[in-house]
C-alpha atoms as a PDB file:
ATOM      1  CA  MET A   1       0.000   0.000   0.000  1.00  0.00           C
ATOM      2  CA  GLN A   2       1.147   3.522  -0.782  1.00  0.00           C
ATOM      3  CA  LYS A   3      -0.167   6.944   0.176  1.00  0.00           C
ATOM      4  CA  VAL A   4      -1.016   9.307  -2.679  1.00  0.00           C
ATOM      5  CA  LYS A   5      -2.334  12.858  -2.833  1.00  0.00           C
ATOM      6  CA  MET A   6      -5.066  13.106  -5.464  1.00  0.00           C
ATOM      7  CA  ASN A   7      -4.889  15.752  -8.210  1.00  0.00           C
ATOM      8  CA  VAL A   8      -8.388  14.934  -9.499  1.00  0.00           C
ATOM      9  CA  GLN A   9     -11.588  13.503  -8.068  1.00  0.00           C
ATOM     10  CA  THR A  10     -12.218   9.843  -8.926  1.00  0.00           C
ATOM     11  CA  MET A  11     -13.993   6.691  -7.814  1.00  0.00           C
ATOM     12  CA  TYR A  12     -11.929   3.758  -6.500  1.00  0.00           C
ATOM     13  CA  HIS A  13     -13.584   0.546  -5.291  1.00  0.00           C
ATOM     14  CA  GLY A  14     -16.880   2.381  -4.781  1.00  0.00           C
ATOM     15  CA  GLU A  15     -15.250   5.129  -2.705  1.00  0.00           C
ATOM     16  CA  LEU A  16     -15.109   8.765  -3.796  1.00  0.00           C
ATOM     17  CA  LEU A  17     -11.533  10.080  -3.662  1.00  0.00           C
ATOM     18  CA  ARG A  18     -11.435  13.880  -3.655  1.00  0.00           C
ATOM     19  CA  ALA A  19      -8.746  16.106  -5.146  1.00  0.00           C
ATOM     20  CA  GLY A  20      -6.228  17.490  -2.650  1.00  0.00           C
ATOM     21  CA  LYS A  21      -6.704  14.746  -0.059  1.00  0.00           C
ATOM     22  CA  VAL A  22      -4.346  11.889   0.816  1.00  0.00           C
ATOM     23  CA  TYR A  23      -5.468   8.264   0.467  1.00  0.00           C
ATOM     24  CA  GLU A  24      -3.801   4.878   0.767  1.00  0.00           C
ATOM     25  CA  VAL A  25      -4.164   2.686  -2.333  1.00  0.00           C
ATOM     26  CA  GLU A  26      -2.495  -0.443  -3.708  1.00  0.00           C
ATOM     27  CA  GLN A  27       1.108  -0.041  -4.889  1.00  0.00           C
ATOM     28  CA  SER A  28       0.377  -0.909  -8.553  1.00  0.00           C
ATOM     29  CA  THR A  29      -2.576   1.507  -8.690  1.00  0.00           C
ATOM     30  CA  ALA A  30      -0.512   4.273  -7.076  1.00  0.00           C
ATOM     31  CA  GLU A  31       2.271   3.833  -9.647  1.00  0.00           C
ATOM     32  CA  ARG A  32      -0.204   4.084 -12.567  1.00  0.00           C
ATOM     33  CA  TRP A  33      -1.893   7.170 -11.096  1.00  0.00           C
ATOM     34  CA  ILE A  34       1.432   8.931 -10.446  1.00  0.00           C
ATOM     35  CA  ALA A  35       2.656   8.149 -13.981  1.00  0.00           C
ATOM     36  CA  SER A  36      -0.568   9.545 -15.510  1.00  0.00           C
ATOM     37  CA  LYS A  37      -0.597  12.610 -13.202  1.00  0.00           C
ATOM     38  CA  ILE A  38      -3.914  11.642 -11.572  1.00  0.00           C
ATOM     39  CA  ALA A  39      -2.116  11.684  -8.214  1.00  0.00           C
ATOM     40  CA  GLU A  40       1.262  12.442  -6.704  1.00  0.00           C
ATOM     41  CA  GLU A  41       3.236  10.603  -4.053  1.00  0.00           C
ATOM     42  CA  ALA A  42       2.264  11.793  -0.585  1.00  0.00           C
ATOM     43  CA  GLU A  43       4.938  13.104   1.755  1.00  0.00           C
ATOM     44  CA  GLU A  44       5.574  10.719   4.638  1.00  0.00           C
ATOM     45  CA  GLU A  45       5.267  12.422   8.010  1.00  0.00           C
END
Protein backbone atom coordinates (compact mmCIF):
# COMPACT_ATOMS: atom_id res chain seq x y z
CA MET A 1 0.00 0.00 0.00
CA GLN A 2 1.15 3.52 -0.78
CA LYS A 3 -0.17 6.94 0.18
CA VAL A 4 -1.02 9.31 -2.68
CA LYS A 5 -2.33 12.86 -2.83
CA MET A 6 -5.07 13.11 -5.46
CA ASN A 7 -4.89 15.75 -8.21
CA VAL A 8 -8.39 14.93 -9.50
CA GLN A 9 -11.59 13.50 -8.07
CA THR A 10 -12.22 9.84 -8.93
CA MET A 11 -13.99 6.69 -7.81
CA TYR A 12 -11.93 3.76 -6.50
CA HIS A 13 -13.58 0.55 -5.29
CA GLY A 14 -16.88 2.38 -4.78
CA GLU A 15 -15.25 5.13 -2.71
CA LEU A 16 -15.11 8.76 -3.80
CA LEU A 17 -11.53 10.08 -3.66
CA ARG A 18 -11.43 13.88 -3.66
CA ALA A 19 -8.75 16.11 -5.15
CA GLY A 20 -6.23 17.49 -2.65
CA LYS A 21 -6.70 14.75 -0.06
CA VAL A 22 -4.35 11.89 0.82
CA TYR A 23 -5.47 8.26 0.47
CA GLU A 24 -3.80 4.88 0.77
CA VAL A 25 -4.16 2.69 -2.33
CA GLU A 26 -2.49 -0.44 -3.71
CA GLN A 27 1.11 -0.04 -4.89
CA SER A 28 0.38 -0.91 -8.55
CA THR A 29 -2.58 1.51 -8.69
CA ALA A 30 -0.51 4.27 -7.08
CA GLU A 31 2.27 3.83 -9.65
CA ARG A 32 -0.20 4.08 -12.57
CA TRP A 33 -1.89 7.17 -11.10
CA ILE A 34 1.43 8.93 -10.45
CA ALA A 35 2.66 8.15 -13.98
CA SER A 36 -0.57 9.54 -15.51
CA LYS A 37 -0.60 12.61 -13.20
CA ILE A 38 -3.91 11.64 -11.57
CA ALA A 39 -2.12 11.68 -8.21
CA GLU A 40 1.26 12.44 -6.70
CA GLU A 41 3.24 10.60 -4.05
CA ALA A 42 2.26 11.79 -0.59
CA GLU A 43 4.94 13.10 1.75
CA GLU A 44 5.57 10.72 4.64
CA GLU A 45 5.27 12.42 8.01
